[in-house]
Amino acid sequence: MKIIGHKEEDFGTFDLDRIQLPTLLFQTGYLTIQDYDPRTKNFHLAYPNKEVFETMIKILAPILTGSLAFDPKAKNIVDHVWRHL
């Protein structure tokens, strides 16, 4: 469930008008630090557990697909997007 790498300075943004989604999700606990690469100084973020991941899919899938009702096919699309970020 590792999704993305970010630099340390990305986590200090508190301007709500310009906050990036991964930073907001980290600051609210929906993403946690899974790993740190000292060579690149990148933090690798991940969902803390399967339940949080599935909840995020249920929330994001309708938004990303434009559907008001959750469609299981949308989960596959969102999974693919997250894997390739």
PDB file of N, CA and C in Angstrom:
ATOM      1  N   MET A   1       0.807  -1.192   0.000  1.00  0.00           N
ATOM      2  CA  MET A   1       0.000   0.000   0.000  1.00  0.00           C
ATOM      3  C   MET A   1       0.856   1.263   0.000  1.00  0.00           C
ATOM      4  N   LYS A   2       2.154   1.127  -0.309  1.00  0.00           N
ATOM      5  CA  LYS A   2       3.019   2.311  -0.400  1.00  0.00           C
ATOM      6  C   LYS A   2       2.588   3.114  -1.616  1.00  0.00           C
ATOM      7  N   ILE A   3       2.427   4.420  -1.451  1.00  0.00           N
ATOM      8  CA  ILE A   3       1.891   5.164  -2.581  1.00  0.00           C
ATOM      9  C   ILE A   3       2.773   6.267  -3.132  1.00  0.00           C
ATOM     10  N   ILE A   4       3.593   6.898  -2.307  1.00  0.00           N
ATOM     11  CA  ILE A   4       4.212   8.108  -2.833  1.00  0.00           C
ATOM     12  C   ILE A   4       5.437   8.493  -2.026  1.00  0.00           C
ATOM     13  N   GLY A   5       6.344   9.209  -2.630  1.00  0.00           N
ATOM     14  CA  GLY A   5       7.503   9.742  -1.924  1.00  0.00           C
ATOM     15  C   GLY A   5       7.426  11.257  -1.848  1.00  0.00           C
ATOM     16  N   HIS A   6       7.810  11.794  -0.704  1.00  0.00           N
ATOM     17  CA  HIS A   6       7.792  13.246  -0.515  1.00  0.00           C
ATOM     18  C   HIS A   6       9.019  13.686   0.255  1.00  0.00           C
ATOM     19  N   LYS A   7       9.433  14.892   0.015  1.00  0.00           N
ATOM     20  CA  LYS A   7      10.534  15.500   0.758  1.00  0.00           C
ATOM     21  C   LYS A   7      10.002  16.041   2.083  1.00  0.00           C
ATOM     22  N   GLU A   8      10.906  16.187   3.050  1.00  0.00           N
ATOM     23  CA  GLU A   8      10.523  16.661   4.380  1.00  0.00           C
ATOM     24  C   GLU A   8       9.802  18.008   4.328  1.00  0.00           C
ATOM     25  N   GLU A   9      10.255  18.911   3.473  1.00  0.00           N
ATOM     26  CA  GLU A   9       9.638  20.240   3.414  1.00  0.00           C
ATOM     27  C   GLU A   9       8.184  20.203   2.945  1.00  0.00           C
ATOM     28  N   ASP A  10       7.783  19.129   2.251  1.00  0.00           N
ATOM     29  CA  ASP A  10       6.394  19.005   1.806  1.00  0.00           C
ATOM     30  C   ASP A  10       5.428  18.841   2.974  1.00  0.00           C
ATOM     31  N   PHE A  11       5.925  18.355   4.108  1.00  0.00           N
ATOM     32  CA  PHE A  11       5.042  18.087   5.238  1.00  0.00           C
ATOM     33  C   PHE A  11       4.798  19.309   6.107  1.00  0.00           C
ATOM     34  N   GLY A  12       5.503  20.377   5.875  1.00  0.00           N
ATOM     35  CA  GLY A  12       5.362  21.550   6.725  1.00  0.00           C
ATOM     36  C   GLY A  12       4.388  22.587   6.199  1.00  0.00           C
ATOM     37  N   THR A  13       3.684  22.298   5.117  1.00  0.00           N
ATOM     38  CA  THR A  13       2.769  23.255   4.518  1.00  0.00           C
ATOM     39  C   THR A  13       1.477  23.330   5.321  1.00  0.00           C
ATOM     40  N   PHE A  14       1.209  24.507   5.865  1.00  0.00           N
ATOM     41  CA  PHE A  14      -0.026  24.679   6.629  1.00  0.00           C
ATOM     42  C   PHE A  14      -0.966  25.679   5.971  1.00  0.00           C
ATOM     43  N   ASP A  15      -0.640  26.135   4.778  1.00  0.00           N
ATOM     44  CA  ASP A  15      -1.501  27.041   4.033  1.00  0.00           C
ATOM     45  C   ASP A  15      -2.616  26.210   3.407  1.00  0.00           C
ATOM     46  N   LEU A  16      -3.812  26.278   3.980  1.00  0.00           N
ATOM     47  CA  LEU A  16      -4.912  25.431   3.525  1.00  0.00           C
ATOM     48  C   LEU A  16      -5.349  25.731   2.099  1.00  0.00           C
ATOM     49  N   ASP A  17      -5.027  26.909   1.602  1.00  0.00           N
ATOM     50  CA  ASP A  17      -5.379  27.234   0.221  1.00  0.00           C
ATOM     51  C   ASP A  17      -4.456  26.560  -0.783  1.00  0.00           C
ATOM     52  N   ARG A  18      -3.284  26.094  -0.315  1.00  0.00           N
ATOM     53  CA  ARG A  18      -2.306  25.510  -1.239  1.00  0.00           C
ATOM     54  C   ARG A  18      -1.805  24.140  -0.802  1.00  0.00           C
ATOM     55  N   ILE A  19      -2.445  23.515   0.145  1.00  0.00           N
ATOM     56  CA  ILE A  19      -1.953  22.236   0.659  1.00  0.00           C
ATOM     57  C   ILE A  19      -2.195  21.131  -0.370  1.00  0.00           C
ATOM     58  N   GLN A  20      -1.204  20.285  -0.551  1.00  0.00           N
ATOM     59  CA  GLN A  20      -1.337  19.159  -1.478  1.00  0.00           C
ATOM     60  C   GLN A  20      -2.070  18.018  -0.777  1.00  0.00           C
ATOM     61  N   LEU A  21      -2.823  17.234  -1.543  1.00  0.00           N
ATOM     62  CA  LEU A  21      -3.619  16.154  -0.966  1.00  0.00           C
ATOM     63  C   LEU A  21      -2.781  15.174  -0.146  1.00  0.00           C
ATOM     64  N   PRO A  22      -1.637  14.675  -0.636  1.00  0.00           N
ATOM     65  CA  PRO A  22      -0.855  13.748   0.199  1.00  0.00           C
ATOM     66  C   PRO A  22      -0.424  14.371   1.526  1.00  0.00           C
ATOM     67  N   THR A  23      -0.081  15.665   1.510  1.00  0.00           N
ATOM     68  CA  THR A  23       0.311  16.340   2.742  1.00  0.00           C
ATOM     69  C   THR A  23      -0.861  16.425   3.704  1.00  0.00           C
ATOM     70  N   LEU A  24      -2.032  16.780   3.197  1.00  0.00           N
ATOM     71  CA  LEU A  24      -3.231  16.844   4.036  1.00  0.00           C
ATOM     72  C   LEU A  24      -3.563  15.475   4.620  1.00  0.00           C
ATOM     73  N   LEU A  25      -3.493  14.444   3.800  1.00  0.00           N
ATOM     74  CA  LEU A  25      -3.791  13.089   4.281  1.00  0.00           C
ATOM     75  C   LEU A  25      -2.779  12.642   5.328  1.00  0.00           C
ATOM     76  N   PHE A  26      -1.518  13.033   5.177  1.00  0.00           N
ATOM     77  CA  PHE A  26      -0.506  12.704   6.177  1.00  0.00           C
ATOM     78  C   PHE A  26      -0.783  13.442   7.481  1.00  0.00           C
ATOM     79  N   GLN A  27      -1.053  14.741   7.392  1.00  0.00           N
ATOM     80  CA  GLN A  27      -1.268  15.541   8.591  1.00  0.00           C
ATOM     81  C   GLN A  27      -2.516  15.119   9.358  1.00  0.00           C
ATOM     82  N   THR A  28      -3.476  14.525   8.683  1.00  0.00           N
ATOM     83  CA  THR A  28      -4.701  14.083   9.354  1.00  0.00           C
ATOM     84  C   THR A  28      -4.660  12.609   9.745  1.00  0.00           C
ATOM     85  N   GLY A  29      -3.567  11.919   9.431  1.00  0.00           N
ATOM     86  CA  GLY A  29      -3.403  10.536   9.860  1.00  0.00           C
ATOM     87  C   GLY A  29      -3.897   9.480   8.892  1.00  0.00           C
ATOM     88  N   TYR A  30      -4.374   9.897   7.721  1.00  0.00           N
ATOM     89  CA  TYR A  30      -4.839   8.919   6.739  1.00  0.00           C
ATOM     90  C   TYR A  30      -3.685   8.287   5.968  1.00  0.00           C
ATOM     91  N   LEU A  31      -2.520   8.907   6.015  1.00  0.00           N
ATOM     92  CA  LEU A  31      -1.293   8.332   5.475  1.00  0.00           C
ATOM     93  C   LEU A  31      -0.243   8.370   6.571  1.00  0.00           C
ATOM     94  N   THR A  32       0.616   7.373   6.591  1.00  0.00           N
ATOM     95  CA  THR A  32       1.706   7.329   7.561  1.00  0.00           C
ATOM     96  C   THR A  32       3.025   7.129   6.818  1.00  0.00           C
ATOM     97  N   ILE A  33       4.118   7.415   7.505  1.00  0.00           N
ATOM     98  CA  ILE A  33       5.436   7.203   6.909  1.00  0.00           C
ATOM     99  C   ILE A  33       5.769   5.724   7.006  1.00  0.00           C
ATOM    100  N   GLN A  34       5.975   5.094   5.863  1.00  0.00           N
ATOM    101  CA  GLN A  34       6.307   3.675   5.825  1.00  0.00           C
ATOM    102  C   GLN A  34       7.816   3.470   5.770  1.00  0.00           C
ATOM    103  N   ASP A  35       8.505   4.392   5.092  1.00  0.00           N
ATOM    104  CA  ASP A  35       9.935   4.214   4.890  1.00  0.00           C
ATOM    105  C   ASP A  35      10.563   5.579   4.629  1.00  0.00           C
ATOM    106  N   TYR A  36      11.866   5.656   4.829  1.00  0.00           N
ATOM    107  CA  TYR A  36      12.620   6.874   4.542  1.00  0.00           C
ATOM    108  C   TYR A  36      13.895   6.477   3.821  1.00  0.00           C
ATOM    109  N   ASP A  37      14.189   7.175   2.737  1.00  0.00           N
ATOM    110  CA  ASP A  37      15.406   6.927   1.973  1.00  0.00           C
ATOM    111  C   ASP A  37      16.381   8.071   2.244  1.00  0.00           C
ATOM    112  N   PRO A  38      17.422   7.840   3.074  1.00  0.00           N
ATOM    113  CA  PRO A  38      18.348   8.921   3.409  1.00  0.00           C
ATOM    114  C   PRO A  38      19.140   9.431   2.205  1.00  0.00           C
ATOM    115  N   ARG A  39      19.313   8.579   1.211  1.00  0.00           N
ATOM    116  CA  ARG A  39      20.062   8.987   0.014  1.00  0.00           C
ATOM    117  C   ARG A  39      19.299  10.074  -0.756  1.00  0.00           C
ATOM    118  N   THR A  40      17.995   9.864  -0.964  1.00  0.00           N
ATOM    119  CA  THR A  40      17.184  10.842  -1.702  1.00  0.00           C
ATOM    120  C   THR A  40      16.432  11.791  -0.780  1.00  0.00           C
ATOM    121  N   LYS A  41      16.453  11.481   0.527  1.00  0.00           N
ATOM    122  CA  LYS A  41      15.711  12.246   1.538  1.00  0.00           C
ATOM    123  C   LYS A  41      14.211  12.236   1.254  1.00  0.00           C
ATOM    124  N   ASN A  42      13.728  11.124   0.701  1.00  0.00           N
ATOM    125  CA  ASN A  42      12.304  10.957   0.425  1.00  0.00           C
ATOM    126  C   ASN A  42      11.649  10.115   1.500  1.00  0.00           C
ATOM    127  N   PHE A  43      10.472  10.546   1.909  1.00  0.00           N
ATOM    128  CA  PHE A  43       9.622   9.745   2.780  1.00  0.00           C
ATOM    129  C   PHE A  43       8.640   9.000   1.891  1.00  0.00           C
ATOM    130  N   HIS A  44       8.415   7.730   2.167  1.00  0.00           N
ATOM    131  CA  HIS A  44       7.447   6.937   1.422  1.00  0.00           C
ATOM    132  C   HIS A  44       6.217   6.780   2.299  1.00  0.00           C
ATOM    133  N   LEU A  45       5.097   7.285   1.796  1.00  0.00           N
ATOM    134  CA  LEU A  45       3.859   7.270   2.557  1.00  0.00           C
ATOM    135  C   LEU A  45       3.029   6.055   2.192  1.00  0.00           C
ATOM    136  N   ALA A  46       2.215   5.622   3.143  1.00  0.00           N
ATOM    137  CA  ALA A  46       1.338   4.478   2.922  1.00  0.00           C
ATOM    138  C   ALA A  46       0.108   4.632   3.794  1.00  0.00           C
ATOM    139  N   TYR A  47      -0.926   3.911   3.448  1.00  0.00           N
ATOM    140  CA  TYR A  47      -2.099   3.851   4.316  1.00  0.00           C
ATOM    141  C   TYR A  47      -1.725   3.020   5.531  1.00  0.00           C
ATOM    142  N   PRO A  48      -2.179   3.410   6.729  1.00  0.00           N
ATOM    143  CA  PRO A  48      -1.776   2.688   7.935  1.00  0.00           C
ATOM    144  C   PRO A  48      -2.344   1.274   8.027  1.00  0.00           C
ATOM    145  N   ASN A  49      -3.469   1.027   7.354  1.00  0.00           N
ATOM    146  CA  ASN A  49      -4.059  -0.315   7.380  1.00  0.00           C
ATOM    147  C   ASN A  49      -5.037  -0.472   6.220  1.00  0.00           C
ATOM    148  N   LYS A  50      -5.491  -1.690   6.038  1.00  0.00           N
ATOM    149  CA  LYS A  50      -6.381  -2.015   4.922  1.00  0.00           C
ATOM    150  C   LYS A  50      -7.710  -1.276   5.022  1.00  0.00           C
ATOM    151  N   GLU A  51      -8.217  -1.103   6.240  1.00  0.00           N
ATOM    152  CA  GLU A  51      -9.508  -0.447   6.429  1.00  0.00           C
ATOM    153  C   GLU A  51      -9.466   1.017   5.973  1.00  0.00           C
ATOM    154  N   VAL A  52      -8.378   1.706   6.295  1.00  0.00           N
ATOM    155  CA  VAL A  52      -8.235   3.101   5.863  1.00  0.00           C
ATOM    156  C   VAL A  52      -8.129   3.155   4.342  1.00  0.00           C
ATOM    157  N   PHE A  53      -7.362   2.246   3.762  1.00  0.00           N
ATOM    158  CA  PHE A  53      -7.220   2.195   2.307  1.00  0.00           C
ATOM    159  C   PHE A  53      -8.578   1.987   1.634  1.00  0.00           C
ATOM    160  N   GLU A  54      -9.347   1.014   2.121  1.00  0.00           N
ATOM    161  CA  GLU A  54     -10.650   0.728   1.517  1.00  0.00           C
ATOM    162  C   GLU A  54     -11.618   1.896   1.681  1.00  0.00           C
ATOM    163  N   THR A  55     -11.562   2.563   2.824  1.00  0.00           N
ATOM    164  CA  THR A  55     -12.414   3.729   3.038  1.00  0.00           C
ATOM    165  C   THR A  55     -12.051   4.844   2.072  1.00  0.00           C
ATOM    166  N   MET A  56     -10.767   5.068   1.881  1.00  0.00           N
ATOM    167  CA  MET A  56     -10.342   6.106   0.946  1.00  0.00           C
ATOM    168  C   MET A  56     -10.787   5.778  -0.480  1.00  0.00           C
ATOM    169  N   ILE A  57     -10.734   4.518  -0.845  1.00  0.00           N
ATOM    170  CA  ILE A  57     -11.202   4.112  -2.176  1.00  0.00           C
ATOM    171  C   ILE A  57     -12.689   4.421  -2.317  1.00  0.00           C
ATOM    172  N   LYS A  58     -13.452   4.108  -1.288  1.00  0.00           N
ATOM    173  CA  LYS A  58     -14.896   4.360  -1.346  1.00  0.00           C
ATOM    174  C   LYS A  58     -15.199   5.847  -1.447  1.00  0.00           C
ATOM    175  N   ILE A  59     -14.359   6.672  -0.836  1.00  0.00           N
ATOM    176  CA  ILE A  59     -14.560   8.119  -0.895  1.00  0.00           C
ATOM    177  C   ILE A  59     -14.050   8.684  -2.220  1.00  0.00           C
ATOM    178  N   LEU A  60     -12.852   8.265  -2.634  1.00  0.00           N
ATOM    179  CA  LEU A  60     -12.226   8.845  -3.821  1.00  0.00           C
ATOM    180  C   LEU A  60     -12.784   8.315  -5.132  1.00  0.00           C
ATOM    181  N   ALA A  61     -13.191   7.066  -5.168  1.00  0.00           N
ATOM    182  CA  ALA A  61     -13.658   6.480  -6.428  1.00  0.00           C
ATOM    183  C   ALA A  61     -14.811   7.272  -7.043  1.00  0.00           C
ATOM    184  N   PRO A  62     -15.850   7.601  -6.282  1.00  0.00           N
ATOM    185  CA  PRO A  62     -16.934   8.390  -6.888  1.00  0.00           C
ATOM    186  C   PRO A  62     -16.473   9.772  -7.351  1.00  0.00           C
ATOM    187  N   ILE A  63     -15.556  10.375  -6.619  1.00  0.00           N
ATOM    188  CA  ILE A  63     -15.057  11.696  -6.999  1.00  0.00           C
ATOM    189  C   ILE A  63     -14.264  11.606  -8.304  1.00  0.00           C
ATOM    190  N   LEU A  64     -13.371  10.617  -8.390  1.00  0.00           N
ATOM    191  CA  LEU A  64     -12.510  10.486  -9.569  1.00  0.00           C
ATOM    192  C   LEU A  64     -13.252   9.998 -10.798  1.00  0.00           C
ATOM    193  N   THR A  65     -14.328   9.240 -10.591  1.00  0.00           N
ATOM    194  CA  THR A  65     -15.067   8.694 -11.729  1.00  0.00           C
ATOM    195  C   THR A  65     -16.315   9.495 -12.055  1.00  0.00           C
ATOM    196  N   GLY A  66     -16.671  10.459 -11.187  1.00  0.00           N
ATOM    197  CA  GLY A  66     -17.871  11.253 -11.422  1.00  0.00           C
ATOM    198  C   GLY A  66     -19.149  10.517 -11.093  1.00  0.00           C
ATOM    199  N   SER A  67     -19.046   9.424 -10.382  1.00  0.00           N
ATOM    200  CA  SER A  67     -20.213   8.614 -10.023  1.00  0.00           C
ATOM    201  C   SER A  67     -20.606   8.893  -8.579  1.00  0.00           C
ATOM    202  N   LEU A  68     -21.893   9.031  -8.319  1.00  0.00           N
ATOM    203  CA  LEU A  68     -22.355   9.241  -6.952  1.00  0.00           C
ATOM    204  C   LEU A  68     -22.451   7.930  -6.184  1.00  0.00           C
ATOM    205  N   ALA A  69     -22.650   6.845  -6.872  1.00  0.00           N
ATOM    206  CA  ALA A  69     -22.733   5.531  -6.224  1.00  0.00           C
ATOM    207  C   ALA A  69     -21.405   4.808  -6.408  1.00  0.00           C
ATOM    208  N   PHE A  70     -20.956   4.104  -5.379  1.00  0.00           N
ATOM    209  CA  PHE A  70     -19.687   3.381  -5.475  1.00  0.00           C
ATOM    210  C   PHE A  70     -19.819   2.232  -6.459  1.00  0.00           C
ATOM    211  N   ASP A  71     -18.917   2.179  -7.377  1.00  0.00           N
ATOM    212  CA  ASP A  71     -18.875   1.132  -8.389  1.00  0.00           C
ATOM    213  C   ASP A  71     -17.606   0.317  -8.165  1.00  0.00           C
ATOM    214  N   PRO A  72     -17.727  -1.004  -7.928  1.00  0.00           N
ATOM    215  CA  PRO A  72     -16.524  -1.818  -7.694  1.00  0.00           C
ATOM    216  C   PRO A  72     -15.487  -1.703  -8.810  1.00  0.00           C
ATOM    217  N   LYS A  73     -15.924  -1.453 -10.034  1.00  0.00           N
ATOM    218  CA  LYS A  73     -14.967  -1.295 -11.134  1.00  0.00           C
ATOM    219  C   LYS A  73     -14.096  -0.059 -10.920  1.00  0.00           C
ATOM    220  N   ALA A  74     -14.677   0.948 -10.275  1.00  0.00           N
ATOM    221  CA  ALA A  74     -13.918   2.174 -10.023  1.00  0.00           C
ATOM    222  C   ALA A  74     -12.744   1.903  -9.099  1.00  0.00           C
ATOM    223  N   LYS A  75     -12.890   0.937  -8.187  1.00  0.00           N
ATOM    224  CA  LYS A  75     -11.798   0.593  -7.277  1.00  0.00           C
ATOM    225  C   LYS A  75     -10.572   0.166  -8.073  1.00  0.00           C
ATOM    226  N   ASN A  76     -10.777  -0.606  -9.132  1.00  0.00           N
ATOM    227  CA  ASN A  76      -9.650  -1.039  -9.963  1.00  0.00           C
ATOM    228  C   ASN A  76      -8.954   0.147 -10.617  1.00  0.00           C
ATOM    229  N   ILE A  77      -9.729   1.121 -11.055  1.00  0.00           N
ATOM    230  CA  ILE A  77      -9.149   2.312 -11.673  1.00  0.00           C
ATOM    231  C   ILE A  77      -8.328   3.083 -10.657  1.00  0.00           C
ATOM    232  N   VAL A  78      -8.907   3.301  -9.474  1.00  0.00           N
ATOM    233  CA  VAL A  78      -8.206   4.056  -8.435  1.00  0.00           C
ATOM    234  C   VAL A  78      -6.959   3.310  -7.982  1.00  0.00           C
ATOM    235  N   ASP A  79      -7.054   1.985  -7.817  1.00  0.00           N
ATOM    236  CA  ASP A  79      -5.877   1.187  -7.455  1.00  0.00           C
ATOM    237  C   ASP A  79      -4.756   1.405  -8.469  1.00  0.00           C
ATOM    238  N   HIS A  80      -5.107   1.370  -9.733  1.00  0.00           N
ATOM    239  CA  HIS A  80      -4.119   1.554 -10.799  1.00  0.00           C
ATOM    240  C   HIS A  80      -3.482   2.944 -10.706  1.00  0.00           C
ATOM    241  N   VAL A  81      -4.295   3.963 -10.479  1.00  0.00           N
ATOM    242  CA  VAL A  81      -3.779   5.328 -10.368  1.00  0.00           C
ATOM    243  C   VAL A  81      -2.803   5.440  -9.210  1.00  0.00           C
ATOM    244  N   TRP A  82      -3.172   4.924  -8.032  1.00  0.00           N
ATOM    245  CA  TRP A  82      -2.306   5.023  -6.854  1.00  0.00           C
ATOM    246  C   TRP A  82      -0.989   4.282  -7.066  1.00  0.00           C
ATOM    247  N   ARG A  83      -1.039   3.129  -7.723  1.00  0.00           N
ATOM    248  CA  ARG A  83       0.191   2.357  -7.947  1.00  0.00           C
ATOM    249  C   ARG A  83       1.170   3.090  -8.857  1.00  0.00           C
ATOM    250  N   HIS A  84       0.663   3.956  -9.706  1.00  0.00           N
ATOM    251  CA  HIS A  84       1.526   4.606 -10.689  1.00  0.00           C
ATOM    252  C   HIS A  84       1.799   6.072 -10.395  1.00  0.00           C
ATOM    253  N   LEU A  85       1.517   6.525  -9.189  1.00  0.00           N
ATOM    254  CA  LEU A  85       1.845   7.912  -8.818  1.00  0.00           C
ATOM    255  C   LEU A  85       3.333   8.062  -8.623  1.00  0.00           C
TER     256      LEU A  85
END
